[in-house]
Amino acid sequence: MANIITRRNILAAGASAAAVYGALGNEALAQINTRGADATAPSLPLENGATLRVLRPVRFVQPDEDIFRANAARFTERTGVQVRVDFVGWEDITQQTAVTANTGAGPDIIIGFNEAPHLYADKVIEVTDVAEYLGRKYGGWQAVAQKYGKRHNSNNWIGLPFGGSGGPLVWRKSAVNEVGFQTPPNDHVGFLDLCKKLRRANKPSGFALGNAVGDGNGFANWLMWSHGASITDEAGAVSVNSPETLAALEYLRELYPTFVDGGTVAWGDISNNQAYAASTCWLTSNGVSLYFALRNDPATRPVADDTEHSEMPHGKAPGWPSAPLTINAMVFRHSRFQNAAKAFLMFMLEAEQFEPWLNANLGYWAHPLAAYRAAAVWSGDPKVAIFRDSMAAPFWNGYKGPLSAASGQANSEYVLVQMFASVASGQATPQQAMQEADRRARRIFRR
């Protein structure tokens, strides 16, 4: 389907954001303290001749970029600081962040993904003053934002998360109701029963078990976390080899035969989108992008109308076992205009700028600061409301351990995905798959 996308693609939808602001204000506040009328904001005297270059992921919808650029222009109007914003592909930003950090040259600010500031902690500056001010003013930072923003076991901030994209269950109401359920159960036994009945009704579920950056890792993490398993413990020691992991593998061995014909061990990030739109898969997990792609295409609008969202089954987890894909801003030490960079990020996260940008994203990026829970986007389409709390879940990539380069590497090497896929495909027993994944994890974490 031409309109079906994933978290790694663009959905060019919605009207231009120019009308949101109209003409930019003429207030001239160049080269002065950026606190303005708010005396509680940190003092950030702007450097003489400051200019900024900002790198961030490409838009989800066109108004995302339009409003972000308008906000940057407004910052220039108010401060005199020229800001260049470059939008780059999702596949490229991680590589460009590494190049910037390792060469000590390039953008002043990068809005990267997830734990990126922690991978280059010695190359970025602290932004604690800005984070604490925003937290006081806007009801506090949500759980995932705190995890990705603060250094491990400290209150020192090195990242400023802008938002997170969750991946709840996406399901066809007609199919779930047909097999005797009002909504998908929140426990493992009930969920397995639902999937078995959907399979018998020839309306199967399907979850990626291929090397899919978002969907594959997301499903593998759900299997682990909902059974109380994790790749590392709280201290960062590898904990794959455990009764909890074994239980997750045994559960998948029962669940996998209920999936779509041909299985899903080769599925990439776009596969479930395509299968769901074609009505060959009736229950999966995805971001809000799938729903809006379906809704915006007349050919698939009936599928969108029949679509509902709910949290992935919690199982034994203390909350929704999902780690949202998070965009996380960092300021590099090589920047000659660090105060201007911090002032820019603070400005962009203030309500006057942030709330219109949040609304324009249609629920794709959920807010990192609790006060934005009242934003208009969450009271519009009721099918989007579930994404509101994406950043409140107590999980992150590398859970339960500290953020590190190793946790990022384990994710990128699909250690857990391939463990589950080997059992689903019959290439290994649960015990064999767990032992191999534990070996691989120990090589990466070296603990």
Protein backbone atom coordinates (compact mmCIF):
# COMPACT_ATOMS: atom_id res chain seq x y z
CA MET A 1 0.00 0.00 0.00
CA ALA A 2 1.54 3.28 -1.07
CA ASN A 3 0.46 5.18 2.05
CA ILE A 4 1.61 2.63 4.61
CA ILE A 5 4.65 3.76 6.55
CA THR A 6 6.65 2.94 9.64
CA ARG A 7 8.40 4.93 12.30
CA ARG A 8 11.31 5.26 9.88
CA ASN A 9 9.36 6.87 7.07
CA ILE A 10 7.49 10.10 6.42
CA LEU A 11 3.77 10.49 6.27
CA ALA A 12 3.25 13.68 4.28
CA ALA A 13 -0.16 14.62 5.59
CA GLY A 14 -1.93 17.65 7.02
CA ALA A 15 -2.03 21.28 6.07
CA SER A 16 0.77 23.81 6.28
CA ALA A 17 1.43 25.21 9.74
CA ALA A 18 1.93 28.75 8.55
CA ALA A 19 -1.50 29.77 9.78
CA VAL A 20 -0.65 28.66 13.30
CA TYR A 21 1.48 31.66 13.91
CA GLY A 22 0.83 34.07 11.06
CA ALA A 23 3.48 36.75 10.95
CA LEU A 24 6.25 36.32 13.51
CA GLY A 25 6.51 38.86 16.28
CA ASN A 26 8.89 41.82 16.03
CA GLU A 27 10.20 41.72 19.57
CA ALA A 28 13.92 42.47 19.51
CA LEU A 29 15.79 40.88 22.39
CA ALA A 30 19.15 40.29 20.75
CA GLN A 31 22.19 39.60 22.92
CA ILE A 32 20.40 39.82 26.27
CA ASN A 33 19.46 37.48 29.07
CA THR A 34 16.87 35.05 27.70
CA ARG A 35 14.79 34.87 30.87
CA GLY A 36 12.41 37.53 29.60
CA ALA A 37 9.50 37.98 32.00
CA ASP A 38 10.04 34.63 33.76
CA ALA A 39 12.49 35.25 36.59
CA THR A 40 12.64 31.54 37.47
CA ALA A 41 14.33 30.61 34.20
CA PRO A 42 18.12 30.10 34.25
CA SER A 43 20.28 33.03 33.26
CA LEU A 44 21.81 32.32 29.86
CA PRO A 45 23.62 35.40 28.51
CA LEU A 46 23.94 34.87 24.79
CA GLU A 47 27.41 34.82 23.27
CA ASN A 48 28.34 37.63 20.91
CA GLY A 49 27.76 36.68 17.30
CA ALA A 50 26.06 33.41 18.25
CA THR A 51 24.69 31.23 15.46
CA LEU A 52 23.37 27.69 15.80
CA ARG A 53 23.13 24.62 13.62
CA VAL A 54 20.55 22.03 14.66
CA LEU A 55 20.22 18.50 13.30
CA ARG A 56 17.06 16.47 13.91
CA PRO A 57 15.12 13.53 12.41
CA VAL A 58 12.96 14.12 9.37
CA ARG A 59 9.33 15.01 10.01
CA PHE A 60 6.48 12.58 10.63
CA VAL A 61 3.89 14.95 9.12
CA GLN A 62 4.57 18.15 7.23
CA PRO A 63 3.31 20.46 10.04
CA ASP A 64 5.99 18.97 12.31
CA GLU A 65 8.66 20.58 10.15
CA ASP A 66 6.67 23.74 9.43
CA ILE A 67 6.04 24.55 13.07
CA PHE A 68 9.53 23.54 14.20
CA ARG A 69 11.01 25.93 11.63
CA ALA A 70 8.54 28.66 12.61
CA ASN A 71 9.54 28.25 16.24
CA ALA A 72 13.22 28.48 15.32
CA ALA A 73 12.49 31.64 13.34
CA ARG A 74 10.66 33.09 16.32
CA PHE A 75 13.74 32.40 18.48
CA THR A 76 15.81 34.34 15.95
CA GLU A 77 13.31 37.20 16.03
CA ARG A 78 13.58 37.41 19.80
CA THR A 79 17.31 36.92 20.23
CA GLY A 80 19.05 37.74 16.96
CA VAL A 81 20.64 34.26 16.96
CA GLN A 82 20.51 32.78 13.48
CA VAL A 83 19.43 29.12 13.55
CA ARG A 84 19.92 26.62 10.75
CA VAL A 85 17.80 23.47 11.10
CA ASP A 86 18.61 20.40 9.02
CA PHE A 87 16.20 17.46 8.84
CA VAL A 88 17.89 14.13 8.05
CA GLY A 89 16.65 10.59 7.51
CA TRP A 90 16.16 8.38 10.53
CA GLU A 91 18.66 5.89 9.15
CA ASP A 92 21.31 8.64 9.00
CA ILE A 93 21.01 10.56 12.23
CA THR A 94 22.68 7.94 14.45
CA GLN A 95 25.67 7.82 12.10
CA GLN A 96 25.90 11.60 11.91
CA THR A 97 25.71 11.85 15.70
CA ALA A 98 28.67 9.47 15.98
CA VAL A 99 30.68 11.45 13.42
CA THR A 100 29.92 14.74 15.18
CA ALA A 101 30.90 13.34 18.58
CA ASN A 102 34.08 11.67 17.35
CA THR A 103 35.36 14.59 15.25
CA GLY A 104 34.36 17.39 17.60
CA ALA A 105 32.89 19.35 14.71
CA GLY A 106 29.48 19.87 13.20
CA PRO A 107 26.09 20.80 14.62
CA ASP A 108 25.81 22.57 17.95
CA ILE A 109 22.67 20.59 18.77
CA ILE A 110 21.54 17.17 17.64
CA ILE A 111 18.11 15.81 18.48
CA GLY A 112 18.96 12.14 18.29
CA PHE A 113 17.33 8.94 19.51
CA ASN A 114 16.94 7.35 22.92
CA GLU A 115 20.21 6.96 24.82
CA ALA A 116 22.36 8.93 22.34
CA PRO A 117 23.58 11.56 24.87
CA HIS A 118 24.75 8.75 27.16
CA LEU A 119 26.82 7.15 24.42
CA TYR A 120 28.77 10.41 24.09
CA ALA A 121 28.49 11.71 27.64
CA ASP A 122 32.02 13.15 27.58
CA LYS A 123 31.25 15.04 24.34
CA VAL A 124 28.08 16.85 25.48
CA ILE A 125 27.42 19.47 28.11
CA GLU A 126 25.09 19.32 31.09
CA VAL A 127 21.69 20.96 30.70
CA THR A 128 20.54 20.50 34.28
CA ASP A 129 19.61 24.14 34.82
CA VAL A 130 17.27 24.12 31.81
CA ALA A 131 15.80 20.70 32.65
CA GLU A 132 15.07 21.59 36.26
CA TYR A 133 13.44 24.89 35.27
CA LEU A 134 11.20 23.19 32.71
CA GLY A 135 10.35 20.42 35.15
CA ARG A 136 9.27 22.89 37.82
CA LYS A 137 7.19 24.89 35.39
CA TYR A 138 5.49 22.04 33.51
CA GLY A 139 4.57 19.47 36.13
CA GLY A 140 7.74 17.39 36.11
CA TRP A 141 9.45 15.13 33.59
CA GLN A 142 7.88 11.76 32.83
CA ALA A 143 9.61 8.49 33.66
CA VAL A 144 11.19 7.70 30.29
CA ALA A 145 12.28 11.33 29.84
CA GLN A 146 14.09 11.23 33.17
CA LYS A 147 15.79 7.97 32.27
CA TYR A 148 17.05 9.23 28.92
CA GLY A 149 17.81 12.73 30.21
CA LYS A 150 19.78 12.11 33.40
CA ARG A 151 23.13 10.49 33.93
CA HIS A 152 22.77 7.12 35.63
CA ASN A 153 22.26 7.39 39.39
CA SER A 154 22.39 11.18 39.36
CA ASN A 155 20.22 14.26 38.91
CA ASN A 156 22.55 15.68 36.26
CA TRP A 157 20.91 16.09 32.87
CA ILE A 158 22.81 15.58 29.62
CA GLY A 159 19.78 15.23 27.33
CA LEU A 160 16.47 17.06 26.89
CA PRO A 161 13.87 14.64 25.47
CA PHE A 162 11.33 16.23 23.13
CA GLY A 163 8.93 13.30 22.84
CA GLY A 164 8.41 9.58 22.44
CA SER A 165 6.50 7.35 20.04
CA GLY A 166 4.77 4.35 21.60
CA GLY A 167 3.80 1.05 19.97
CA PRO A 168 0.54 -0.29 21.43
CA LEU A 169 -1.61 -3.13 20.16
CA VAL A 170 -3.40 -2.26 16.92
CA TRP A 171 -6.43 -4.46 16.34
CA ARG A 172 -9.58 -4.90 14.30
CA LYS A 173 -12.56 -4.56 16.57
CA SER A 174 -14.79 -6.67 14.34
CA ALA A 175 -12.39 -9.61 14.48
CA VAL A 176 -11.73 -9.45 18.22
CA ASN A 177 -15.46 -9.19 18.94
CA GLU A 178 -16.24 -12.01 16.51
CA VAL A 179 -14.13 -14.47 18.51
CA GLY A 180 -15.72 -13.53 21.81
CA PHE A 181 -13.64 -10.68 23.25
CA GLN A 182 -14.57 -7.05 23.81
CA THR A 183 -10.90 -6.04 24.02
CA PRO A 184 -7.62 -7.98 24.02
CA PRO A 185 -6.88 -9.50 27.44
CA ASN A 186 -4.12 -8.02 29.60
CA ASP A 187 -2.69 -11.38 30.71
CA HIS A 188 -0.59 -13.93 28.83
CA VAL A 189 -3.08 -16.79 29.04
CA GLY A 190 -6.00 -14.71 27.82
CA PHE A 191 -3.95 -13.10 25.05
CA LEU A 192 -2.79 -16.49 23.79
CA ASP A 193 -6.40 -17.67 23.79
CA LEU A 194 -7.43 -14.63 21.73
CA CYS A 195 -4.67 -15.23 19.18
CA LYS A 196 -5.58 -18.91 18.86
CA LYS A 197 -9.20 -18.03 18.18
CA LEU A 198 -8.24 -15.36 15.66
CA ARG A 199 -6.12 -17.96 13.88
CA ARG A 200 -9.03 -20.39 13.72
CA ALA A 201 -11.24 -17.61 12.36
CA ASN A 202 -8.65 -16.98 9.62
CA LYS A 203 -8.04 -13.50 11.02
CA PRO A 204 -4.59 -14.00 12.54
CA SER A 205 -2.26 -11.74 14.47
CA GLY A 206 1.33 -10.99 13.49
CA PHE A 207 4.38 -9.43 15.16
CA ALA A 208 7.79 -8.86 13.61
CA LEU A 209 10.59 -11.28 14.48
CA GLY A 210 12.98 -10.16 11.74
CA ASN A 211 15.79 -7.65 12.17
CA ALA A 212 13.37 -4.74 12.40
CA VAL A 213 14.75 -1.70 14.25
CA GLY A 214 11.44 -0.68 15.76
CA ASP A 215 8.98 -3.55 15.52
CA GLY A 216 11.35 -6.48 15.98
CA ASN A 217 13.09 -5.05 19.02
CA GLY A 218 9.79 -3.80 20.40
CA PHE A 219 8.16 -7.23 20.25
CA ALA A 220 11.20 -8.99 21.71
CA ASN A 221 11.34 -6.48 24.55
CA TRP A 222 7.65 -6.99 25.24
CA LEU A 223 8.13 -10.76 25.46
CA MET A 224 10.97 -10.25 27.93
CA TRP A 225 9.54 -7.49 30.11
CA SER A 226 6.01 -8.87 30.34
CA HIS A 227 7.51 -12.09 31.78
CA GLY A 228 9.73 -10.25 34.25
CA ALA A 229 12.89 -10.89 32.22
CA SER A 230 15.54 -8.39 31.13
CA ILE A 231 18.82 -8.35 29.27
CA THR A 232 20.64 -6.91 32.30
CA ASP A 233 19.90 -6.46 35.98
CA GLU A 234 19.83 -3.13 37.85
CA ALA A 235 23.61 -3.12 38.18
CA GLY A 236 24.13 -3.73 34.47
CA ALA A 237 25.14 -7.40 34.73
CA VAL A 238 23.80 -9.69 31.98
CA SER A 239 20.66 -11.50 33.14
CA VAL A 240 19.39 -13.24 30.00
CA ASN A 241 19.88 -16.75 31.39
CA SER A 242 16.94 -16.87 33.78
CA PRO A 243 13.69 -18.72 34.46
CA GLU A 244 11.82 -15.60 33.32
CA THR A 245 13.51 -15.58 29.91
CA LEU A 246 12.84 -19.29 29.54
CA ALA A 247 9.16 -18.68 30.29
CA ALA A 248 9.06 -15.96 27.60
CA LEU A 249 10.57 -18.34 25.05
CA GLU A 250 8.17 -21.14 25.95
CA TYR A 251 5.29 -18.68 25.61
CA LEU A 252 6.41 -17.60 22.16
CA ARG A 253 6.66 -21.23 21.08
CA GLU A 254 2.91 -21.49 21.75
CA LEU A 255 2.04 -18.06 20.39
CA TYR A 256 3.96 -18.17 17.11
CA PRO A 257 1.77 -20.80 15.37
CA THR A 258 -1.17 -18.38 15.69
CA PHE A 259 0.58 -15.80 13.49
CA VAL A 260 -0.11 -15.11 9.82
CA ASP A 261 0.60 -17.75 7.19
CA GLY A 262 4.28 -17.93 6.39
CA GLY A 263 5.25 -16.61 9.80
CA THR A 264 6.97 -13.39 10.71
CA VAL A 265 10.64 -14.29 11.26
CA ALA A 266 11.53 -12.33 8.11
CA TRP A 267 9.29 -9.34 8.82
CA GLY A 268 10.87 -5.89 8.71
CA ASP A 269 9.44 -2.66 10.07
CA ILE A 270 7.01 -2.18 7.19
CA SER A 271 5.75 -5.77 6.96
CA ASN A 272 3.04 -5.62 9.59
CA ASN A 273 1.80 -2.28 8.19
CA GLN A 274 1.32 -3.86 4.80
CA ALA A 275 -0.29 -7.02 6.16
CA TYR A 276 -2.66 -5.09 8.40
CA ALA A 277 -3.74 -2.74 5.61
CA ALA A 278 -4.36 -5.73 3.34
CA SER A 279 -6.46 -7.48 6.02
CA THR A 280 -4.15 -10.48 6.14
CA CYS A 281 -3.17 -9.53 9.71
CA TRP A 282 -5.83 -8.41 12.17
CA LEU A 283 -3.83 -7.68 15.33
CA THR A 284 -0.31 -6.28 15.61
CA SER A 285 1.73 -3.55 17.31
CA ASN A 286 2.59 -0.18 15.78
CA GLY A 287 2.85 3.55 16.24
CA VAL A 288 0.10 6.01 15.37
CA SER A 289 1.52 6.28 11.85
CA LEU A 290 -0.29 3.13 10.73
CA TYR A 291 -3.68 4.42 11.84
CA PHE A 292 -3.27 7.78 10.13
CA ALA A 293 -2.02 6.19 6.93
CA LEU A 294 -5.11 4.00 6.89
CA ARG A 295 -7.42 6.88 7.75
CA ASN A 296 -6.00 9.20 5.10
CA ASP A 297 -6.35 6.71 2.22
CA PRO A 298 -9.96 6.27 0.98
CA ALA A 299 -9.14 2.69 0.02
CA THR A 300 -8.23 1.76 3.60
CA ARG A 301 -10.50 4.11 5.54
CA PRO A 302 -12.86 1.22 6.43
CA VAL A 303 -9.90 -0.57 8.05
CA ALA A 304 -9.10 2.56 10.07
CA ASP A 305 -12.71 2.85 11.18
CA ASP A 306 -12.54 -0.75 12.44
CA THR A 307 -9.19 -0.19 14.19
CA GLU A 308 -8.68 0.20 17.93
CA HIS A 309 -5.59 0.63 20.11
CA SER A 310 -4.79 -0.76 23.54
CA GLU A 311 -1.70 -1.36 25.64
CA MET A 312 0.28 -4.50 24.99
CA PRO A 313 -0.63 -7.09 27.64
CA HIS A 314 1.18 -6.31 30.88
CA GLY A 315 1.62 -9.90 32.02
CA LYS A 316 3.90 -9.68 35.06
CA ALA A 317 5.13 -6.17 34.27
CA PRO A 318 4.41 -3.26 36.66
CA GLY A 319 3.08 -1.16 33.77
CA TRP A 320 2.83 -1.05 30.00
CA PRO A 321 5.93 -3.06 28.93
CA SER A 322 7.00 -0.72 26.15
CA ALA A 323 9.90 1.64 25.64
CA PRO A 324 8.88 4.52 23.36
CA LEU A 325 11.17 5.59 20.57
CA THR A 326 12.38 8.89 22.04
CA ILE A 327 13.91 11.95 20.38
CA ASN A 328 16.51 13.38 22.72
CA ALA A 329 18.37 16.69 22.31
CA MET A 330 22.03 17.19 23.26
CA VAL A 331 24.42 20.15 23.12
CA PHE A 332 27.99 19.35 22.10
CA ARG A 333 31.06 20.61 23.94
CA HIS A 334 32.61 21.78 20.69
CA SER A 335 29.86 24.39 20.29
CA ARG A 336 31.16 27.93 20.74
CA PHE A 337 27.65 29.06 21.64
CA GLN A 338 26.58 26.77 24.45
CA ASN A 339 24.37 29.32 26.22
CA ALA A 340 22.57 30.10 22.98
CA ALA A 341 22.09 26.38 22.37
CA LYS A 342 20.61 25.82 25.81
CA ALA A 343 18.41 28.91 25.42
CA PHE A 344 17.15 27.57 22.09
CA LEU A 345 16.15 24.21 23.57
CA MET A 346 14.50 25.87 26.54
CA PHE A 347 12.58 28.16 24.20
CA MET A 348 11.41 25.26 22.02
CA LEU A 349 10.07 23.35 25.04
CA GLU A 350 8.11 26.31 26.42
CA ALA A 351 4.33 26.05 26.01
CA GLU A 352 4.04 28.85 23.44
CA GLN A 353 6.19 26.86 21.04
CA PHE A 354 5.92 23.26 22.19
CA GLU A 355 2.18 22.78 22.44
CA PRO A 356 1.39 23.82 18.82
CA TRP A 357 4.23 21.56 17.65
CA LEU A 358 2.94 18.68 19.78
CA ASN A 359 -0.58 19.10 18.41
CA ALA A 360 0.71 19.22 14.84
CA ASN A 361 2.32 15.79 15.25
CA LEU A 362 -1.12 14.18 15.70
CA GLY A 363 -0.02 12.03 18.63
CA TYR A 364 3.08 10.55 17.02
CA TRP A 365 5.38 12.20 19.56
CA ALA A 366 4.04 12.07 23.10
CA HIS A 367 5.09 14.81 25.52
CA PRO A 368 8.00 14.45 27.96
CA LEU A 369 6.63 17.00 30.49
CA ALA A 370 3.51 16.09 32.46
CA ALA A 371 1.65 19.39 31.98
CA TYR A 372 1.33 18.77 28.25
CA ARG A 373 -1.03 15.88 29.03
CA ALA A 374 -3.75 18.53 28.66
CA ALA A 375 -2.72 19.42 25.08
CA ALA A 376 -5.52 19.55 22.52
CA VAL A 377 -4.18 16.61 20.51
CA TRP A 378 -5.15 14.19 23.29
CA SER A 379 -8.80 15.26 23.37
CA GLY A 380 -9.39 14.99 19.62
CA ASP A 381 -9.57 11.57 17.99
CA PRO A 382 -10.23 9.09 20.85
CA LYS A 383 -8.23 6.43 19.02
CA VAL A 384 -5.10 8.53 19.53
CA ALA A 385 -5.55 9.12 23.27
CA ILE A 386 -3.62 5.98 24.23
CA PHE A 387 -0.39 7.47 22.86
CA ARG A 388 -0.64 10.30 25.41
CA ASP A 389 1.05 8.26 28.15
CA SER A 390 3.79 6.69 26.03
CA MET A 391 6.55 8.36 28.07
CA ALA A 392 5.09 7.38 31.46
CA ALA A 393 5.98 3.69 31.09
CA PRO A 394 8.82 2.57 33.42
CA PHE A 395 10.85 0.88 30.67
CA TRP A 396 13.75 1.84 28.42
CA ASN A 397 16.14 0.22 25.96
CA GLY A 398 18.55 -1.86 28.03
CA TYR A 399 16.12 -2.25 30.93
CA LYS A 400 16.83 -2.93 33.85
CA GLY A 401 20.40 -1.70 33.64
CA PRO A 402 22.00 1.70 33.09
CA LEU A 403 22.05 3.26 29.65
CA SER A 404 25.31 2.52 27.87
CA ALA A 405 26.94 1.93 24.53
CA ALA A 406 26.54 -1.78 25.22
CA SER A 407 22.76 -1.59 25.56
CA GLY A 408 22.60 0.26 22.26
CA GLN A 409 24.84 -2.33 20.62
CA ALA A 410 22.74 -5.24 21.90
CA ASN A 411 19.70 -3.58 20.39
CA SER A 412 21.37 -2.92 17.04
CA GLU A 413 22.69 -6.50 16.86
CA TYR A 414 19.21 -7.90 17.57
CA VAL A 415 20.39 -10.19 20.35
CA LEU A 416 16.92 -10.70 21.81
CA VAL A 417 15.09 -10.65 18.46
CA GLN A 418 17.28 -13.42 17.07
CA MET A 419 16.94 -15.43 20.27
CA PHE A 420 13.16 -15.47 19.89
CA ALA A 421 13.28 -15.96 16.13
CA SER A 422 15.43 -19.08 16.48
CA VAL A 423 12.77 -20.66 18.68
CA ALA A 424 9.89 -19.51 16.47
CA SER A 425 11.57 -21.03 13.42
CA GLY A 426 12.41 -24.29 15.20
CA GLN A 427 16.14 -23.80 14.78
CA ALA A 428 16.79 -23.95 18.53
CA THR A 429 15.11 -25.08 21.71
CA PRO A 430 14.25 -22.40 24.25
CA GLN A 431 17.18 -23.49 26.41
CA GLN A 432 19.65 -23.42 23.51
CA ALA A 433 18.41 -20.03 22.29
CA MET A 434 18.64 -18.52 25.76
CA GLN A 435 22.19 -19.76 26.31
CA GLU A 436 23.34 -18.39 22.94
CA ALA A 437 21.74 -15.01 23.59
CA ASP A 438 23.32 -14.91 27.04
CA ARG A 439 26.73 -15.63 25.49
CA ARG A 440 26.29 -12.85 22.93
CA ALA A 441 25.11 -10.41 25.57
CA ARG A 442 28.12 -11.14 27.78
CA ARG A 443 30.45 -10.47 24.88
CA ILE A 444 28.80 -7.08 24.38
CA PHE A 445 28.42 -6.03 28.02
CA ARG A 446 31.65 -7.78 29.13
CA ARG A 447 30.27 -8.43 32.59
